[in-house]
Amino acid sequence: MSSSTRTRAATCLATAAAGAMALAGLQAALATPAAAASRDTIVSIAQREAGNAARNKENPMGSGCNYYTGVFRTWKPATGCGTGDGVQFRDSDWCADFAKYVWKNAGVRHADVAEGNGGVLTGWASSFKDYGTQNGTWHARSSGYTPQPGDALVFDWDQSGSIDHVGIVRSSDGSRVYTIEGNSGDAIKYKDYARSDIDIVGYSAPVGIDGGSSLGVLDFYLSDSQSSNVATRPVVQFGNSPMVPIRGDWNGDGKDTVSAYDPTSGTFYISDTPESGLASYSFRYGDPGGVPFVGDWDGDGRDNVGVRMGLTFFLRTSPVTTMTETTVSVAYGDPGMLPVVGDWDGDGKDSVSAYDPVSGTFLLSNTPQTGAAAYVVRYGDPGAAPLAGDWDGDGKDNVGVRMGTTFYLRTGPVTGAIEGTVSVGYGNGGAELPITGDWDGDGKDSQGVVR
C-alpha cells in the first residue's frame, strides 16, 4: 500500500495514561483520557461528575449502590442496584471510589494503578492519606498548609484517629475550603468547611502537579527511528495542558503531524504545520470530556477524528477542513476498556477496537458493529499504555505497549499467536505521554513522548 493510502492508527492516549499517568489517556481514566494533568482538570472532572444525573447519586437512593464502586470494585454486591452509563452499580461506601475516579481520569500519576496490582489508592478513604505519605505530598491541617484545587482532603468525624471520608478540593480562601465529595448524603455534593475544622485531618496533593492551573505548553519529542532512544526531530510545541495530544495525516501527504484535543470544551485543534504553533482547523465534536481518537474511516488516505462517550464510538465523517458535521457511531467494548484504532486487515480503512487494561488484552475488530472481536491479543503487563501503528510498513497496523520508559512494538501479526517484539527505551517516564506516528512518511510508525 502506498504512503498516500495507508492509514495510521491513533495511539490511545486515554490510556497512555496507564503507563505515564498520564490515558492517558487515558485512560485512562477508565472512560476519559488522561491528559497532561493539571489542577483545573481535576476540578473540572469532579464538576462534570457532579452534573451527570446518570451517576451522581445512589440508585436506588439510600442503598449504597453507586457507579464509582461499580467501575473499580466489581466484586462488591450488586443485588438491588441499578445501572447507569453502561456500568452495573455496586453497594459500598464510595467517597474514595469517587475521588480515585476523578484523579485517575485527570491523569494523576499513580492513580491508575489498580489496588490488586499494588496501587495505593483503594476503596478506603484512608488510602488517600497513605498516597500522600508515600509520595511526600501529605499536609496535615495543623501544618497551616493552604489547600489547593485538586487536592484530596480527608476527615476523621470523631477524632478517633481513623479516617472516615475523603473529598476533592475545588478552591479555598483564607478561612474556608470548598469541596466536591462523593457519598455525601447518598450523592455527589458541593460542600465547604472552616479550614480550622477539627474534622479535617489534612490534605494529599496529587503527584506531579504544581500549584498552578496548568502544566503549560505541550512539548512533543519525536523519533523517526524505532531503535533511537532520543528524539531525531526538533521539539514541537503545540497546544496547552489540559489538552490531550493526538496525531494524524490530515492532508494525505503520508506524514503524521501532531495536534491536540481540549477535553474541557470538546474542541479539536488540527494542524498540518504544528511547528508554527497554529491550528489549521478547529472544531467542536462530541461532549466535553469525551475520549479522542483518530483514524481513516473511508480509506481516502486522510485521517479524521472521533470521540468515545460511554461505550459508543462516534466517528466524524465530514473532512476536518469543513465545519459540516456528519457522524457514524458504533458501540464496542465493555466498561473499563480503552479505545484503540487501527487498520488490522490492510484494507485502507481504520476500525475502532478496545484494550482491556485489567488483563492486558487487545480486542481487535474489522467489523466492530457486530460487537465481536476478530483477534484477541494479550500483550504486555496489565495496566500498560496501549499503542497501535504500522511498525514494518506492510500497510497493516499492529499493537504495542509502553511499560515504564520502554516501548514494546509487537511484530507478530495480530492474526497469529506468534509474538515478536521490537523494544526501545524512550523518554523519562513520570507524567509524560507516549505517542506513535509516521513522522517522516517512510510508511513506518515510530515512537515519541509528550511532556
Protein backbone atom coordinates (compact mmCIF):
# COMPACT_ATOMS: atom_id res chain seq x y z
CA MET A 1 0.00 0.00 0.00
CA SER A 2 1.35 3.42 -0.90
CA SER A 3 2.05 6.01 1.75
CA SER A 4 -0.80 8.11 0.38
CA THR A 5 -3.39 5.43 1.07
CA ARG A 6 -2.10 3.59 4.14
CA THR A 7 -3.77 4.53 7.41
CA ARG A 8 -2.23 5.41 10.71
CA ALA A 9 -3.95 4.35 13.88
CA ALA A 10 -4.03 6.78 16.73
CA THR A 11 -2.26 5.93 19.94
CA CYS A 12 -4.90 5.71 22.62
CA LEU A 13 -3.78 8.47 24.88
CA ALA A 14 -6.54 7.82 27.27
CA THR A 15 -4.73 5.16 28.06
CA ALA A 16 -1.43 6.41 27.66
CA ALA A 17 -2.44 7.37 30.97
CA ALA A 18 -1.97 3.89 32.14
CA GLY A 19 1.73 3.91 31.54
CA ALA A 20 2.62 7.52 32.28
CA MET A 21 -0.41 8.58 34.06
CA ALA A 22 -0.85 10.45 32.45
CA LEU A 23 -4.70 7.80 29.19
CA ALA A 24 -3.87 8.52 29.09
CA GLY A 25 -5.18 8.58 28.42
CA LEU A 26 -6.27 7.95 29.40
CA GLN A 27 -7.12 6.45 30.39
CA ALA A 28 -7.49 6.44 31.16
CA ALA A 29 -9.08 7.03 33.08
CA LEU A 30 -11.37 4.22 32.62
CA ALA A 31 -13.59 6.31 30.43
CA THR A 32 -11.70 9.51 29.94
CA PRO A 33 -8.29 10.22 28.69
CA ALA A 34 -5.59 11.22 30.99
CA ALA A 35 -4.48 14.49 29.61
CA ALA A 36 -1.36 16.23 30.80
CA ALA A 37 -2.69 16.56 34.33
CA SER A 38 -3.47 19.90 35.94
CA ARG A 39 -5.38 21.06 38.98
CA ASP A 40 -8.01 22.65 36.73
CA THR A 41 -8.52 19.30 35.02
CA ILE A 42 -9.14 17.54 38.33
CA VAL A 43 -11.72 20.11 39.42
CA SER A 44 -13.45 20.19 36.02
CA ILE A 45 -13.82 16.39 36.01
CA ALA A 46 -15.24 16.43 39.55
CA GLN A 47 -17.70 19.13 38.49
CA ARG A 48 -18.63 17.15 35.40
CA GLU A 49 -19.39 14.09 37.51
CA ALA A 50 -21.46 16.16 39.92
CA GLY A 51 -23.59 17.26 36.98
CA ASN A 52 -24.04 13.78 35.49
CA ALA A 53 -27.55 12.74 36.53
CA ALA A 54 -26.98 9.14 35.39
CA ARG A 55 -24.36 8.51 38.07
CA ASN A 56 -24.10 11.40 40.55
CA LYS A 57 -26.24 9.67 43.18
CA GLU A 58 -27.05 6.24 44.52
CA ASN A 59 -29.52 4.08 42.63
CA PRO A 60 -31.81 3.46 44.45
CA MET A 61 -31.20 6.40 46.76
CA GLY A 62 -30.07 5.35 50.22
CA SER A 63 -29.00 1.90 49.06
CA GLY A 64 -25.23 2.39 48.83
CA CYS A 65 -25.43 1.28 45.19
CA ASN A 66 -23.22 3.59 43.14
CA TYR A 67 -21.45 3.98 39.81
CA TYR A 68 -17.90 4.51 41.07
CA THR A 69 -17.65 1.32 43.09
CA GLY A 70 -19.09 -0.41 40.03
CA VAL A 71 -16.14 0.85 37.98
CA PHE A 72 -13.36 -0.17 40.37
CA ARG A 73 -14.60 -2.98 42.62
CA THR A 74 -16.76 -5.35 40.63
CA TRP A 75 -16.66 -7.96 43.40
CA LYS A 76 -18.90 -5.79 45.59
CA PRO A 77 -22.58 -6.85 45.84
CA ALA A 78 -24.98 -5.66 43.15
CA THR A 79 -28.26 -7.09 44.47
CA GLY A 80 -31.00 -4.49 44.11
CA CYS A 81 -28.65 -2.00 42.46
CA GLY A 82 -29.45 -0.07 39.31
CA THR A 83 -27.17 0.71 36.37
CA GLY A 84 -26.00 3.88 34.66
CA ASP A 85 -23.80 4.79 31.70
CA GLY A 86 -23.21 1.11 30.98
CA VAL A 87 -21.95 0.23 34.47
CA GLN A 88 -23.55 -2.12 37.00
CA PHE A 89 -23.77 -0.15 40.24
CA ARG A 90 -22.28 -1.81 43.34
CA ASP A 91 -23.08 -1.45 47.03
CA SER A 92 -20.35 0.11 49.16
CA ASP A 93 -19.23 3.30 50.84
CA TRP A 94 -17.96 5.21 47.84
CA CYS A 95 -16.31 8.52 48.69
CA ALA A 96 -12.86 7.07 47.95
CA ASP A 97 -14.03 5.40 44.74
CA PHE A 98 -15.33 8.76 43.52
CA ALA A 99 -12.12 10.62 44.43
CA LYS A 100 -9.98 7.93 42.79
CA TYR A 101 -12.12 8.07 39.64
CA VAL A 102 -11.63 11.83 39.40
CA TRP A 103 -7.86 11.66 39.91
CA LYS A 104 -7.48 8.73 37.53
CA ASN A 105 -9.45 10.40 34.76
CA ALA A 106 -7.50 13.63 35.22
CA GLY A 107 -4.25 11.76 34.64
CA VAL A 108 -2.86 11.98 38.17
CA ARG A 109 0.33 9.96 38.44
CA HIS A 110 -0.10 6.54 40.11
CA ALA A 111 -3.87 6.95 40.43
CA ASP A 112 -4.42 4.48 37.59
CA VAL A 113 -2.78 1.52 39.34
CA ALA A 114 -5.42 -0.97 40.44
CA GLU A 115 -5.34 -1.97 44.10
CA GLY A 116 -4.96 -5.60 43.04
CA ASN A 117 -1.77 -4.65 41.19
CA GLY A 118 -0.18 -2.82 44.10
CA GLY A 119 -1.97 0.53 43.78
CA VAL A 120 -2.04 2.64 46.92
CA LEU A 121 -5.50 4.11 46.29
CA THR A 122 -8.29 1.73 47.26
CA GLY A 123 -11.91 1.94 48.35
CA TRP A 124 -10.78 3.20 51.77
CA ALA A 125 -10.66 6.94 52.43
CA SER A 126 -7.50 6.39 54.47
CA SER A 127 -5.68 5.31 51.30
CA PHE A 128 -5.57 8.95 50.19
CA LYS A 129 -3.50 9.84 53.26
CA ASP A 130 -1.34 6.79 52.52
CA TYR A 131 -0.85 8.10 48.96
CA GLY A 132 0.33 11.49 50.19
CA THR A 133 2.57 9.98 52.86
CA GLN A 134 4.17 7.56 50.40
CA ASN A 135 4.74 10.23 47.75
CA GLY A 136 5.77 13.08 50.02
CA THR A 137 2.68 15.22 49.31
CA TRP A 138 0.83 14.84 52.64
CA HIS A 139 -0.01 18.05 54.53
CA ALA A 140 -1.60 17.87 57.98
CA ARG A 141 -4.22 20.52 58.72
CA SER A 142 -2.14 21.58 61.70
CA SER A 143 0.78 22.46 59.40
CA GLY A 144 -1.05 25.54 58.14
CA TYR A 145 -0.92 24.30 54.54
CA THR A 146 -3.14 26.20 52.11
CA PRO A 147 -5.29 23.61 50.29
CA GLN A 148 -5.03 23.73 46.51
CA PRO A 149 -7.61 22.86 43.84
CA GLY A 150 -7.43 19.14 43.06
CA ASP A 151 -6.07 18.09 46.47
CA ALA A 152 -7.76 15.25 48.33
CA LEU A 153 -8.81 16.17 51.85
CA VAL A 154 -9.57 13.51 54.45
CA PHE A 155 -11.77 13.64 57.52
CA ASP A 156 -11.98 11.96 60.92
CA TRP A 157 -15.50 12.73 62.10
CA ASP A 158 -14.97 11.74 65.75
CA GLN A 159 -11.22 12.40 66.14
CA SER A 160 -10.70 8.70 66.82
CA GLY A 161 -7.58 8.51 64.71
CA SER A 162 -9.43 6.62 61.96
CA ILE A 163 -10.07 8.39 58.65
CA ASP A 164 -13.75 8.27 57.67
CA HIS A 165 -14.20 10.29 54.48
CA VAL A 166 -12.41 11.92 51.53
CA GLY A 167 -13.33 14.68 49.07
CA ILE A 168 -11.78 16.79 46.31
CA VAL A 169 -10.77 20.41 46.97
CA ARG A 170 -12.17 22.82 44.38
CA SER A 171 -10.90 26.03 45.97
CA SER A 172 -10.01 27.70 49.25
CA ASP A 173 -9.66 31.15 50.77
CA GLY A 174 -8.16 32.47 53.97
CA SER A 175 -10.73 30.82 56.19
CA ARG A 176 -12.65 28.16 54.24
CA VAL A 177 -12.08 25.21 51.94
CA TYR A 178 -14.62 24.32 49.23
CA THR A 179 -15.06 20.73 48.11
CA ILE A 180 -16.80 18.24 45.83
CA GLU A 181 -17.49 14.93 47.60
CA GLY A 182 -18.95 11.58 46.69
CA ASN A 183 -21.13 9.63 49.14
CA SER A 184 -22.28 12.82 50.82
CA GLY A 185 -25.93 12.25 51.67
CA ASP A 186 -26.07 9.44 49.07
CA ALA A 187 -24.90 11.73 46.25
CA ILE A 188 -22.09 13.92 44.94
CA LYS A 189 -22.34 17.28 46.65
CA TYR A 190 -20.63 20.65 46.87
CA LYS A 191 -19.62 21.38 50.47
CA ASP A 192 -17.47 23.84 52.40
CA TYR A 193 -15.76 23.88 55.80
CA ALA A 194 -13.75 26.17 58.00
CA ARG A 195 -10.08 25.40 57.38
CA SER A 196 -9.71 25.11 61.15
CA ASP A 197 -12.41 22.41 61.37
CA ILE A 198 -11.04 19.67 63.65
CA ASP A 199 -12.74 17.00 61.50
CA ILE A 200 -10.22 17.75 58.73
CA VAL A 201 -7.12 15.61 59.18
CA GLY A 202 -5.21 17.01 56.22
CA TYR A 203 -4.61 17.05 52.51
CA SER A 204 -2.81 14.90 49.94
CA ALA A 205 -1.64 16.73 46.84
CA PRO A 206 -1.69 14.77 43.56
CA VAL A 207 1.81 13.75 42.47
CA GLY A 208 3.33 15.72 39.60
CA ILE A 209 1.01 18.70 39.94
CA ASP A 210 2.36 22.12 40.82
CA GLY A 211 0.37 24.93 42.40
CA GLY A 212 -0.59 26.45 39.07
CA SER A 213 -3.65 25.80 36.98
CA SER A 214 -1.84 24.25 34.03
CA LEU A 215 1.34 22.45 33.08
CA GLY A 216 1.77 24.81 30.14
CA VAL A 217 2.66 24.15 26.52
CA LEU A 218 2.74 20.54 25.28
CA ASP A 219 6.23 19.55 24.07
CA PHE A 220 6.42 16.72 21.51
CA TYR A 221 9.69 14.74 21.40
CA LEU A 222 9.51 12.57 18.26
CA SER A 223 11.81 9.97 16.73
CA ASP A 224 11.87 8.68 13.14
CA SER A 225 13.76 5.55 14.23
CA GLN A 226 12.32 2.66 16.21
CA SER A 227 15.82 1.98 17.56
CA SER A 228 16.67 5.50 18.70
CA ASN A 229 16.22 6.35 22.37
CA VAL A 230 16.49 10.09 21.68
CA ALA A 231 14.41 12.48 19.60
CA THR A 232 15.58 12.72 15.98
CA ARG A 233 13.37 15.69 15.17
CA PRO A 234 13.20 19.22 16.60
CA VAL A 235 10.88 19.54 19.59
CA VAL A 236 7.41 20.67 18.53
CA GLN A 237 5.35 22.82 20.88
CA PHE A 238 1.63 22.71 20.20
CA GLY A 239 -1.37 23.05 22.47
CA ASN A 240 -1.57 23.63 26.19
CA SER A 241 -2.46 21.32 29.05
CA PRO A 242 -5.00 20.08 29.88
CA MET A 243 -5.26 19.40 26.14
CA VAL A 244 -4.76 15.79 25.00
CA PRO A 245 -2.10 15.21 22.31
CA ILE A 246 -3.24 13.41 19.15
CA ARG A 247 -1.77 12.97 15.69
CA GLY A 248 -2.89 12.16 12.16
CA ASP A 249 -2.26 12.57 8.46
CA TRP A 250 -4.79 15.33 7.93
CA ASN A 251 -3.87 16.31 4.34
CA GLY A 252 -2.97 12.93 2.82
CA ASP A 253 0.74 13.64 2.31
CA GLY A 254 1.75 10.39 4.03
CA LYS A 255 3.12 12.12 7.12
CA ASP A 256 1.53 12.38 10.54
CA THR A 257 1.51 15.73 12.29
CA VAL A 258 0.77 16.36 15.94
CA SER A 259 -2.37 18.15 17.06
CA ALA A 260 -4.44 18.46 20.23
CA TYR A 261 -7.89 17.97 21.75
CA ASP A 262 -9.28 20.14 24.56
CA PRO A 263 -11.43 17.93 26.82
CA THR A 264 -12.83 20.90 28.72
CA SER A 265 -14.65 22.20 25.65
CA GLY A 266 -14.66 19.15 23.35
CA THR A 267 -12.62 21.04 20.74
CA PHE A 268 -10.10 19.58 18.27
CA TYR A 269 -7.17 21.75 17.16
CA ILE A 270 -5.81 20.20 13.96
CA SER A 271 -2.58 21.37 12.35
CA ASP A 272 -0.64 20.50 9.19
CA THR A 273 2.20 22.70 10.46
CA PRO A 274 2.25 22.31 14.26
CA GLU A 275 5.77 23.75 14.46
CA SER A 276 4.10 27.10 13.75
CA GLY A 277 2.03 26.69 16.92
CA LEU A 278 -1.11 27.43 14.91
CA ALA A 279 -4.14 25.26 14.21
CA SER A 280 -5.08 24.78 10.56
CA TYR A 281 -8.62 23.74 11.54
CA SER A 282 -10.53 23.78 14.81
CA PHE A 283 -13.99 22.47 15.61
CA ARG A 284 -16.01 21.09 18.48
CA TYR A 285 -17.09 17.47 18.36
CA GLY A 286 -18.89 15.44 20.98
CA ASP A 287 -19.38 16.34 24.60
CA PRO A 288 -16.62 17.79 26.79
CA GLY A 289 -14.66 15.02 28.44
CA GLY A 290 -15.02 12.59 25.54
CA VAL A 291 -12.09 10.27 24.74
CA PRO A 292 -10.49 11.41 21.44
CA PHE A 293 -9.19 9.03 18.78
CA VAL A 294 -8.02 9.30 15.17
CA GLY A 295 -8.30 7.16 12.04
CA ASP A 296 -9.04 6.98 8.32
CA TRP A 297 -12.67 5.88 8.28
CA ASP A 298 -13.23 5.87 4.49
CA GLY A 299 -9.85 4.86 3.05
CA ASP A 300 -9.16 8.19 1.32
CA GLY A 301 -5.67 8.44 2.86
CA ARG A 302 -6.67 11.28 5.20
CA ASP A 303 -7.27 10.86 8.88
CA ASN A 304 -10.30 12.11 10.73
CA VAL A 305 -11.30 12.30 14.36
CA GLY A 306 -13.77 10.74 16.71
CA VAL A 307 -14.72 10.61 20.37
CA ARG A 308 -15.77 7.79 22.62
CA MET A 309 -18.56 8.65 25.05
CA GLY A 310 -19.66 5.87 27.34
CA LEU A 311 -19.32 2.69 25.27
CA THR A 312 -20.11 4.37 21.96
CA PHE A 313 -17.55 5.46 19.37
CA PHE A 314 -18.66 8.49 17.36
CA LEU A 315 -16.68 8.80 14.11
CA ARG A 316 -16.68 12.18 12.38
CA THR A 317 -17.01 11.50 8.65
CA SER A 318 -17.01 15.06 7.31
CA PRO A 319 -13.48 16.33 6.45
CA VAL A 320 -11.54 18.19 9.13
CA THR A 321 -11.35 21.07 6.62
CA THR A 322 -15.06 21.77 6.97
CA MET A 323 -17.38 22.80 9.78
CA THR A 324 -20.08 20.49 8.42
CA GLU A 325 -20.55 17.62 10.85
CA THR A 326 -21.57 14.14 9.75
CA THR A 327 -21.20 11.12 12.00
CA VAL A 328 -21.40 7.35 12.16
CA SER A 329 -21.45 5.59 15.52
CA VAL A 330 -20.85 2.11 16.90
CA ALA A 331 -20.86 0.64 20.40
CA TYR A 332 -17.91 -1.62 21.15
CA GLY A 333 -16.16 -2.95 24.24
CA ASP A 334 -17.07 -3.17 27.90
CA PRO A 335 -16.86 -0.66 30.75
CA GLY A 336 -13.27 -0.01 31.76
CA MET A 337 -11.86 -0.81 28.34
CA LEU A 338 -9.89 1.81 26.41
CA PRO A 339 -10.25 2.72 22.71
CA VAL A 340 -7.63 1.55 20.21
CA VAL A 341 -7.84 2.25 16.47
CA GLY A 342 -6.10 0.59 13.52
CA ASP A 343 -6.22 -0.89 10.03
CA TRP A 344 -5.86 -4.51 11.11
CA ASP A 345 -6.53 -6.15 7.71
CA GLY A 346 -4.80 -3.71 5.34
CA ASP A 347 -7.96 -2.61 3.51
CA GLY A 348 -7.03 1.06 3.90
CA LYS A 349 -9.71 1.76 6.49
CA ASP A 350 -9.25 2.01 10.23
CA SER A 351 -11.68 0.36 12.59
CA VAL A 352 -12.29 1.01 16.26
CA SER A 353 -11.34 -1.61 18.81
CA ALA A 354 -10.64 -1.86 22.53
CA TYR A 355 -7.97 -2.68 25.11
CA ASP A 356 -8.70 -4.23 28.50
CA PRO A 357 -6.15 -2.80 30.96
CA VAL A 358 -7.15 -5.31 33.65
CA SER A 359 -5.92 -8.31 31.65
CA GLY A 360 -3.61 -6.56 29.17
CA THR A 361 -5.73 -7.81 26.26
CA PHE A 362 -6.42 -6.16 22.90
CA LEU A 363 -9.85 -6.95 21.41
CA LEU A 364 -9.39 -6.03 17.74
CA SER A 365 -12.20 -5.96 15.21
CA ASN A 366 -12.55 -5.32 11.48
CA THR A 367 -16.33 -5.14 11.95
CA PRO A 368 -16.94 -3.55 15.36
CA GLN A 369 -20.61 -3.04 14.56
CA THR A 370 -21.05 -6.79 15.20
CA GLY A 371 -19.68 -6.38 18.70
CA ALA A 372 -17.33 -9.29 18.09
CA ALA A 373 -13.52 -9.29 18.14
CA ALA A 374 -11.75 -10.70 15.10
CA TYR A 375 -8.47 -11.07 17.01
CA VAL A 376 -7.80 -11.32 20.73
CA VAL A 377 -4.20 -10.49 21.64
CA ARG A 378 -2.69 -10.44 25.11
CA TYR A 379 0.44 -8.32 25.13
CA GLY A 380 2.44 -6.70 27.87
CA ASP A 381 1.54 -6.38 31.52
CA PRO A 382 -1.94 -5.36 32.71
CA GLY A 383 -2.25 -1.62 33.06
CA ALA A 384 0.35 -0.83 30.38
CA ALA A 385 -0.23 2.07 27.99
CA PRO A 386 -1.63 0.59 24.75
CA LEU A 387 -0.20 1.64 21.37
CA ALA A 388 -1.10 0.99 17.74
CA GLY A 389 0.76 1.56 14.48
CA ASP A 390 2.29 0.03 11.36
CA TRP A 391 5.73 -0.95 12.64
CA ASP A 392 7.05 -2.65 9.47
CA GLY A 393 5.42 -0.71 6.63
CA ASP A 394 3.27 -3.60 5.36
CA GLY A 395 0.08 -1.49 5.39
CA LYS A 396 -1.37 -3.34 8.39
CA ASP A 397 -1.42 -1.93 11.87
CA ASN A 398 -0.24 -3.84 14.90
CA VAL A 399 -0.35 -3.30 18.64
CA GLY A 400 2.20 -2.34 21.24
CA VAL A 401 2.51 -1.16 24.81
CA ARG A 402 4.64 1.20 26.81
CA MET A 403 5.74 -0.05 30.22
CA GLY A 404 7.87 2.23 32.32
CA THR A 405 10.08 4.06 29.84
CA THR A 406 10.17 1.25 27.24
CA PHE A 407 8.09 0.96 24.07
CA TYR A 408 7.32 -2.65 23.09
CA LEU A 409 6.12 -2.98 19.47
CA ARG A 410 4.56 -6.32 18.59
CA THR A 411 5.81 -7.60 15.23
CA GLY A 412 3.94 -10.90 15.04
CA PRO A 413 0.71 -10.41 13.01
CA VAL A 414 -2.44 -9.84 15.03
CA THR A 415 -3.90 -12.80 13.16
CA GLY A 416 -1.45 -15.21 14.82
CA ALA A 417 -0.24 -16.24 18.25
CA ILE A 418 3.44 -15.70 17.43
CA GLU A 419 4.70 -12.77 19.46
CA GLY A 420 7.73 -10.98 18.05
CA THR A 421 8.80 -7.71 19.63
CA VAL A 422 10.90 -4.65 18.92
CA SER A 423 11.66 -2.67 22.05
CA VAL A 424 13.26 0.71 22.69
CA GLY A 425 13.74 2.76 25.81
CA TYR A 426 12.46 6.26 25.17
CA GLY A 427 11.52 9.16 27.41
CA ASN A 428 11.93 9.85 31.10
CA GLY A 429 8.72 8.37 32.46
CA GLY A 430 6.71 10.30 35.00
CA ALA A 431 3.83 12.38 33.69
CA GLU A 432 4.85 12.26 30.03
CA LEU A 433 2.53 10.60 27.50
CA PRO A 434 3.57 8.13 24.78
CA ILE A 435 2.57 8.76 21.17
CA THR A 436 3.33 6.96 17.90
CA GLY A 437 3.16 8.10 14.27
CA ASP A 438 4.82 8.16 10.86
CA TRP A 439 6.61 11.47 11.19
CA ASP A 440 8.74 11.23 8.02
CA GLY A 441 6.40 9.44 5.60
CA ASP A 442 8.51 6.25 5.29
CA GLY A 443 5.44 4.05 5.89
CA LYS A 444 6.53 3.00 9.39
CA ASP A 445 5.29 4.36 12.68
CA SER A 446 7.76 5.15 15.44
CA GLN A 447 7.73 6.45 18.98
CA GLY A 448 7.51 9.78 20.73
CA VAL A 449 6.59 11.29 24.07
CA VAL A 450 4.67 14.40 25.07
CA ARG A 451 5.55 16.44 28.15
